[in-house]
Amino acid sequence: MTDRPAQDLYQIGSVTALTGIAAERLRAWERRYGFAPAEKNGKIRLYSYAQVQNLIRIKRLLDRGQSISSVIHLNQEQLEQRLSTDLEPAASAAATRLGRAADVALVGAGVLQLEQQSASADAINVVGRWANVEAFLNDATLPKIDVLVLQLPVLLPQLIAQARNRLANVRVLPIYQFATSEQVRQCEESDLNAIRWPLGWREIEQQCLGLFGLPNLHGVRAPRMFSDEELIAIAVADDSANSAIPQVVEQIHQLNGLTSFLNVCGDAALTAAASAQAQALQQAASEIGQSRAQAEVCLQTLLAQRQRDPLTGANPLQSNDSASLLPESSDPTH
């Protein structure tokens, strides 16, 4: 761990940005549980670096369903112990908040190798693997599959049709190395978006999610993945040169606001007995919610990359042993 000066102190606004805990909650915890800042300068509350680290641990436990009264008085070692023995691992928490994962099958040596070299997303659940299309076609027992990733040396529409016919309602992602213009045209006419090899695992994941569909991934109402407090903390803590994360956060705020507005309009139309208009407004609100959900998936991607490759000095809490303690905003609530 990087040594930090003992006098490092943070005002309450900075603590909120770094931990995702609202200032009002911090003041309430001070009144109710005696969680006082390290120092006070008049009305200015100043928290120590150690306190901020513990608050991040506390926030993680609260996100996992534990009560504030059960964790507020724990020290660093006790909080770490509670985190390590908590019954809901971070991965399952992320899957729960995302909704049902897409059941994906992989066919082809190249995509199998890509999967082994990459960390799979929480939204994708690989349920079957075959080295080639012949092995897949000859397998008598196939699992339930939402999306079939089918890698072919040559883009043969008839072979894709055989694979497609083996499973009801399966969406197929063809990946090919060679193809004629006629073969590509036939795939397009069959509503298949064939992609040329080589490509990265992340692109395969995104294509699978697109085929699976946000309503399946998040539910019709697309529940929020990030609270307002978490979005504020994420945007304030980012100091990257391109400001991509704050821009995405701003769009999520805008879409949240538009969803609320459409819902209010829908309620007003329902009160005025304009049922057809109310239904249209409710449908529009649901569709905007799906757009917001897609923006939050994009935000997850950016946050995951920041965790893998944090900028030096980008966050005062991202020392070698504390980067994992940042707010778990990459698996929150819609």
Protein backbone atom coordinates (compact mmCIF):
# COMPACT_ATOMS: atom_id res chain seq x y z
CA MET A 1 0.00 0.00 0.00
CA THR A 2 1.19 3.52 -0.76
CA ASP A 3 1.95 5.41 2.45
CA ARG A 4 -0.26 8.45 2.90
CA PRO A 5 0.39 11.45 5.13
CA ALA A 6 -1.46 11.19 8.43
CA GLN A 7 -2.85 14.70 7.90
CA ASP A 8 -4.71 13.77 4.68
CA LEU A 9 -8.23 15.03 5.30
CA TYR A 10 -11.30 15.18 3.05
CA GLN A 11 -14.24 17.54 3.21
CA ILE A 12 -17.68 15.96 3.17
CA GLY A 13 -18.26 16.76 -0.53
CA SER A 14 -15.10 14.87 -1.49
CA VAL A 15 -16.07 11.96 0.75
CA THR A 16 -19.44 11.77 -0.99
CA ALA A 17 -17.79 11.73 -4.41
CA LEU A 18 -15.28 9.04 -3.42
CA THR A 19 -17.63 6.71 -1.56
CA GLY A 20 -21.04 7.21 -3.19
CA ILE A 21 -22.57 7.97 0.24
CA ALA A 22 -24.70 11.10 0.34
CA ALA A 23 -23.67 13.90 2.69
CA GLU A 24 -27.07 13.74 4.41
CA ARG A 25 -26.48 10.10 5.29
CA LEU A 26 -23.05 10.87 6.72
CA ARG A 27 -24.53 13.59 8.94
CA ALA A 28 -27.32 11.24 10.02
CA TRP A 29 -24.79 8.54 10.91
CA GLU A 30 -22.88 11.09 12.97
CA ARG A 31 -26.03 12.03 14.92
CA ARG A 32 -27.40 8.52 15.33
CA TYR A 33 -24.31 6.31 15.63
CA GLY A 34 -21.55 8.71 16.62
CA PHE A 35 -19.58 8.24 13.38
CA ALA A 36 -17.88 11.61 13.72
CA PRO A 37 -15.34 13.08 11.28
CA ALA A 38 -11.70 13.10 12.31
CA GLU A 39 -11.76 16.88 12.70
CA LYS A 40 -14.13 19.84 12.53
CA ASN A 41 -13.20 23.33 11.45
CA GLY A 42 -16.24 25.34 12.41
CA LYS A 43 -19.07 23.75 10.39
CA ILE A 44 -16.64 22.03 8.01
CA ARG A 45 -16.35 18.29 8.60
CA LEU A 46 -13.00 16.70 7.73
CA TYR A 47 -12.68 12.92 7.36
CA SER A 48 -9.41 11.00 7.44
CA TYR A 49 -8.14 8.75 4.67
CA ALA A 50 -8.71 5.69 6.89
CA GLN A 51 -12.30 6.77 7.50
CA VAL A 52 -12.92 7.16 3.79
CA GLN A 53 -11.57 3.67 3.12
CA ASN A 54 -13.83 2.24 5.81
CA LEU A 55 -16.81 4.11 4.38
CA ILE A 56 -16.17 2.46 1.02
CA ARG A 57 -16.19 -0.93 2.73
CA ILE A 58 -19.38 0.01 4.57
CA LYS A 59 -21.02 1.07 1.31
CA ARG A 60 -20.20 -2.29 -0.26
CA LEU A 61 -21.80 -4.12 2.68
CA LEU A 62 -24.89 -1.91 2.53
CA ASP A 63 -25.20 -2.66 -1.19
CA ARG A 64 -25.23 -6.35 -0.27
CA GLY A 65 -28.18 -5.86 2.06
CA GLN A 66 -26.53 -5.47 5.47
CA SER A 67 -27.87 -2.87 7.91
CA ILE A 68 -25.93 0.25 8.82
CA SER A 69 -26.32 -0.46 12.54
CA SER A 70 -24.52 -3.81 12.11
CA VAL A 71 -21.46 -2.38 10.32
CA ILE A 72 -20.99 1.26 11.32
CA HIS A 73 -18.90 0.50 14.41
CA LEU A 74 -16.66 -2.18 12.81
CA ASN A 75 -12.96 -1.46 12.34
CA GLN A 76 -10.99 -2.07 9.15
CA GLU A 77 -10.12 -5.69 9.95
CA GLN A 78 -13.70 -6.51 10.94
CA LEU A 79 -15.08 -4.90 7.78
CA GLU A 80 -12.65 -6.87 5.62
CA GLN A 81 -13.67 -10.07 7.39
CA ARG A 82 -17.35 -9.28 6.87
CA LEU A 83 -16.73 -8.61 3.17
CA SER A 84 -14.82 -11.84 2.67
CA THR A 85 -17.47 -13.97 4.38
CA ASP A 86 -20.55 -12.20 3.08
CA LEU A 87 -22.97 -14.73 1.58
CA GLU A 88 -23.65 -12.78 -1.60
CA PRO A 89 -20.51 -12.60 -3.75
CA ALA A 90 -20.06 -9.57 -5.97
CA ALA A 91 -20.53 -11.63 -9.12
CA SER A 92 -23.93 -12.99 -8.09
CA ALA A 93 -24.97 -9.54 -6.91
CA ALA A 94 -24.16 -8.14 -10.35
CA ALA A 95 -26.09 -10.91 -12.08
CA THR A 96 -29.10 -10.33 -9.83
CA ARG A 97 -29.17 -6.62 -10.54
CA LEU A 98 -28.69 -7.12 -14.26
CA GLY A 99 -31.49 -9.66 -14.53
CA ARG A 100 -31.35 -12.96 -16.42
CA ALA A 101 -28.09 -13.55 -18.22
CA ALA A 102 -28.07 -14.52 -21.89
CA ASP A 103 -27.46 -18.25 -22.39
CA VAL A 104 -24.83 -18.38 -25.14
CA ALA A 105 -23.34 -21.32 -27.02
CA LEU A 106 -19.97 -21.07 -28.75
CA VAL A 107 -19.07 -23.02 -31.88
CA GLY A 108 -15.58 -22.73 -33.41
CA ALA A 109 -12.01 -23.05 -32.24
CA GLY A 110 -11.28 -19.34 -32.57
CA VAL A 111 -14.15 -18.13 -30.39
CA LEU A 112 -13.42 -20.83 -27.80
CA GLN A 113 -9.84 -19.62 -27.58
CA LEU A 114 -10.99 -16.01 -27.26
CA GLU A 115 -13.30 -16.94 -24.39
CA GLN A 116 -10.52 -18.72 -22.53
CA GLN A 117 -8.28 -15.66 -22.84
CA SER A 118 -10.93 -13.16 -21.71
CA ALA A 119 -13.09 -12.53 -18.66
CA SER A 120 -16.74 -13.13 -19.50
CA ALA A 121 -19.32 -10.43 -18.78
CA ASP A 122 -21.93 -10.98 -16.06
CA ALA A 123 -24.67 -10.66 -18.67
CA ILE A 124 -23.42 -13.66 -20.70
CA ASN A 125 -23.65 -17.24 -19.50
CA VAL A 126 -21.79 -19.68 -21.78
CA VAL A 127 -23.78 -22.92 -21.62
CA GLY A 128 -22.18 -24.93 -24.43
CA ARG A 129 -18.94 -25.20 -26.38
CA TRP A 130 -18.15 -27.08 -29.59
CA ALA A 131 -14.88 -26.99 -31.54
CA ASN A 132 -16.63 -26.97 -34.92
CA VAL A 133 -20.09 -26.90 -36.50
CA GLU A 134 -20.03 -30.66 -37.26
CA ALA A 135 -19.65 -31.44 -33.54
CA PHE A 136 -22.55 -29.12 -32.75
CA LEU A 137 -24.84 -30.66 -35.38
CA ASN A 138 -24.03 -34.19 -34.22
CA ASP A 139 -24.61 -33.49 -30.51
CA ALA A 140 -27.88 -35.19 -29.52
CA THR A 141 -28.33 -33.26 -26.26
CA LEU A 142 -28.29 -29.49 -26.56
CA PRO A 143 -28.88 -27.09 -23.66
CA LYS A 144 -31.35 -24.22 -23.78
CA ILE A 145 -29.66 -21.48 -25.83
CA ASP A 146 -30.61 -17.83 -26.43
CA VAL A 147 -27.74 -16.92 -28.77
CA LEU A 148 -25.59 -19.23 -30.89
CA VAL A 149 -22.15 -17.86 -31.82
CA LEU A 150 -21.27 -19.80 -34.95
CA GLN A 151 -17.75 -19.48 -36.35
CA LEU A 152 -17.36 -20.83 -39.90
CA PRO A 153 -14.31 -20.93 -42.19
CA VAL A 154 -16.68 -20.19 -45.12
CA LEU A 155 -20.01 -18.39 -44.77
CA LEU A 156 -22.37 -21.16 -45.93
CA PRO A 157 -26.04 -20.13 -45.44
CA GLN A 158 -27.25 -23.74 -45.67
CA LEU A 159 -24.97 -24.74 -42.80
CA ILE A 160 -26.23 -21.81 -40.72
CA ALA A 161 -29.81 -22.89 -41.48
CA GLN A 162 -29.07 -26.42 -40.24
CA ALA A 163 -27.66 -25.06 -36.99
CA ARG A 164 -30.56 -22.64 -36.62
CA ASN A 165 -33.14 -25.38 -37.12
CA ARG A 166 -31.77 -27.42 -34.25
CA LEU A 167 -33.05 -24.94 -31.66
CA ALA A 168 -36.33 -23.08 -31.37
CA ASN A 169 -36.18 -19.28 -31.20
CA VAL A 170 -32.38 -19.20 -31.13
CA ARG A 171 -30.63 -16.07 -32.43
CA VAL A 172 -27.51 -16.79 -34.48
CA LEU A 173 -24.34 -14.72 -34.72
CA PRO A 174 -22.39 -16.01 -37.76
CA ILE A 175 -18.66 -15.27 -37.81
CA TYR A 176 -16.80 -16.10 -41.00
CA GLN A 177 -13.30 -16.00 -42.49
CA PHE A 178 -14.21 -16.15 -46.20
CA ALA A 179 -17.41 -15.40 -48.13
CA THR A 180 -18.66 -14.45 -51.56
CA SER A 181 -20.88 -11.40 -52.03
CA GLU A 182 -23.78 -13.76 -52.77
CA GLN A 183 -23.29 -15.60 -49.47
CA VAL A 184 -23.27 -12.32 -47.57
CA ARG A 185 -26.42 -11.21 -49.39
CA GLN A 186 -28.22 -14.45 -48.51
CA CYS A 187 -27.39 -13.97 -44.84
CA GLU A 188 -28.69 -10.41 -44.92
CA GLU A 189 -31.94 -11.59 -46.49
CA SER A 190 -32.25 -14.12 -43.65
CA ASP A 191 -31.90 -11.29 -41.10
CA LEU A 192 -28.45 -12.48 -40.05
CA ASN A 193 -25.70 -9.97 -39.27
CA ALA A 194 -22.62 -11.95 -40.30
CA ILE A 195 -19.32 -10.60 -38.94
CA ARG A 196 -15.91 -11.18 -40.43
CA TRP A 197 -13.11 -12.78 -38.42
CA PRO A 198 -10.90 -11.75 -36.64
CA LEU A 199 -12.63 -9.78 -33.89
CA GLY A 200 -12.35 -9.37 -30.12
CA TRP A 201 -14.23 -11.11 -27.35
CA ARG A 202 -15.77 -7.84 -26.19
CA GLU A 203 -17.35 -7.32 -29.61
CA ILE A 204 -18.77 -10.84 -29.48
CA GLU A 205 -20.27 -10.10 -26.06
CA GLN A 206 -21.86 -6.88 -27.30
CA GLN A 207 -23.29 -8.61 -30.37
CA CYS A 208 -24.77 -11.35 -28.15
CA LEU A 209 -26.36 -8.77 -25.86
CA GLY A 210 -27.80 -6.97 -28.87
CA LEU A 211 -29.36 -10.21 -30.16
CA PHE A 212 -30.60 -11.18 -26.69
CA GLY A 213 -32.25 -7.80 -26.25
CA LEU A 214 -32.42 -5.39 -23.34
CA PRO A 215 -36.00 -6.32 -22.42
CA ASN A 216 -34.79 -9.87 -21.75
CA LEU A 217 -31.65 -8.69 -20.01
CA HIS A 218 -33.22 -6.03 -17.80
CA GLY A 219 -36.95 -6.74 -17.83
CA VAL A 220 -39.67 -4.70 -19.53
CA ARG A 221 -39.28 -1.78 -17.13
CA ALA A 222 -35.47 -1.80 -17.26
CA PRO A 223 -34.78 -1.30 -13.52
CA ARG A 224 -32.00 1.16 -12.74
CA MET A 225 -28.49 -0.16 -12.30
CA PHE A 226 -27.10 3.03 -10.70
CA SER A 227 -28.69 5.24 -8.07
CA ASP A 228 -28.49 9.03 -8.43
CA GLU A 229 -25.88 9.12 -5.65
CA GLU A 230 -23.75 6.53 -7.40
CA LEU A 231 -23.94 8.39 -10.71
CA ILE A 232 -22.86 11.63 -9.04
CA ALA A 233 -19.95 9.89 -7.31
CA ILE A 234 -18.82 8.23 -10.55
CA ALA A 235 -18.89 11.48 -12.53
CA VAL A 236 -17.13 13.56 -9.87
CA ALA A 237 -14.40 10.99 -9.27
CA ASP A 238 -13.45 10.77 -12.96
CA ASP A 239 -10.56 12.94 -14.13
CA SER A 240 -9.74 11.30 -17.45
CA ALA A 241 -8.68 13.51 -20.32
CA ASN A 242 -11.65 12.68 -22.55
CA SER A 243 -14.43 13.05 -19.92
CA ALA A 244 -16.28 10.13 -21.49
CA ILE A 245 -17.63 8.82 -18.18
CA PRO A 246 -19.19 12.15 -17.06
CA GLN A 247 -20.74 12.55 -20.52
CA VAL A 248 -22.37 9.11 -20.33
CA VAL A 249 -23.54 9.85 -16.79
CA GLU A 250 -25.14 13.09 -18.00
CA GLN A 251 -27.03 11.22 -20.71
CA ILE A 252 -28.29 8.72 -18.13
CA HIS A 253 -29.54 11.62 -15.98
CA GLN A 254 -31.34 13.06 -19.01
CA LEU A 255 -32.97 9.74 -19.90
CA ASN A 256 -34.03 9.19 -16.28
CA GLY A 257 -35.66 12.61 -16.31
CA LEU A 258 -37.42 11.95 -19.60
CA THR A 259 -38.75 8.62 -18.33
CA SER A 260 -40.18 10.35 -15.25
CA PHE A 261 -41.76 13.05 -17.42
CA LEU A 262 -43.43 10.51 -19.71
CA ASN A 263 -44.76 8.59 -16.72
CA VAL A 264 -46.26 11.79 -15.29
CA CYS A 265 -47.87 12.53 -18.67
CA GLY A 266 -49.20 8.98 -18.79
CA ASP A 267 -50.75 9.32 -15.33
CA ALA A 268 -52.37 12.61 -16.37
CA ALA A 269 -53.79 11.02 -19.52
CA LEU A 270 -55.16 8.12 -17.48
CA THR A 271 -56.84 10.55 -15.08
CA ALA A 272 -58.41 12.31 -18.07
CA ALA A 273 -59.74 8.94 -19.27
CA ALA A 274 -57.55 9.07 -22.40
CA SER A 275 -56.61 5.41 -22.12
CA ALA A 276 -55.09 5.05 -25.61
CA GLN A 277 -52.84 8.06 -25.08
CA ALA A 278 -51.89 6.84 -21.60
CA GLN A 279 -50.90 3.44 -23.00
CA ALA A 280 -48.78 5.08 -25.70
CA LEU A 281 -47.03 7.28 -23.12
CA GLN A 282 -46.36 4.31 -20.85
CA GLN A 283 -44.91 2.38 -23.79
CA ALA A 284 -42.72 5.38 -24.67
CA ALA A 285 -41.50 5.57 -21.08
CA SER A 286 -40.61 1.88 -21.19
CA GLU A 287 -38.69 2.32 -24.44
CA ILE A 288 -36.78 5.30 -23.06
CA GLY A 289 -36.00 3.14 -20.04
CA GLN A 290 -34.45 0.57 -22.35
CA SER A 291 -32.29 3.29 -23.90
CA ARG A 292 -31.19 4.29 -20.44
CA ALA A 293 -30.39 0.67 -19.66
CA GLN A 294 -28.16 0.49 -22.75
CA ALA A 295 -26.38 3.68 -21.66
CA GLU A 296 -25.77 2.10 -18.26
CA VAL A 297 -24.28 -0.98 -19.93
CA CYS A 298 -21.92 1.42 -21.73
CA LEU A 299 -21.05 3.03 -18.41
CA GLN A 300 -20.28 -0.40 -16.97
CA THR A 301 -17.85 -1.00 -19.84
CA LEU A 302 -16.01 2.26 -19.16
CA LEU A 303 -15.87 1.62 -15.40
CA ALA A 304 -14.56 -1.90 -15.92
CA GLN A 305 -11.77 -0.57 -18.14
CA ARG A 306 -10.90 2.10 -15.58
CA GLN A 307 -10.58 -0.59 -12.90
CA ARG A 308 -8.33 -2.70 -15.14
CA ASP A 309 -6.13 0.22 -16.20
CA PRO A 310 -6.55 3.11 -13.70
CA LEU A 311 -4.72 6.34 -14.44
CA THR A 312 -1.93 7.12 -12.02
CA GLY A 313 -3.23 9.56 -9.48
CA ALA A 314 -6.72 9.56 -11.01
CA ASN A 315 -8.28 8.73 -7.67
CA PRO A 316 -6.67 9.18 -4.23
CA LEU A 317 -8.15 5.85 -3.17
CA GLN A 318 -6.82 3.83 -6.11
CA SER A 319 -3.63 2.65 -4.46
CA ASN A 320 -2.52 -0.90 -5.14
CA ASP A 321 -4.53 -2.45 -2.33
CA SER A 322 -7.55 -0.17 -2.37
CA ALA A 323 -8.60 -0.02 -6.02
CA SER A 324 -10.92 -2.95 -5.39
CA LEU A 325 -12.63 -0.97 -2.65
CA LEU A 326 -14.10 1.64 -4.98
CA PRO A 327 -17.91 1.76 -4.99
CA GLU A 328 -19.30 -1.28 -6.79
CA SER A 329 -21.16 0.86 -9.29
CA SER A 330 -20.54 -1.62 -12.07
CA ASP A 331 -23.24 -3.91 -10.68
CA PRO A 332 -25.94 -1.62 -9.26
CA THR A 333 -29.79 -0.97 -9.65
CA HIS A 334 -31.91 0.41 -12.60
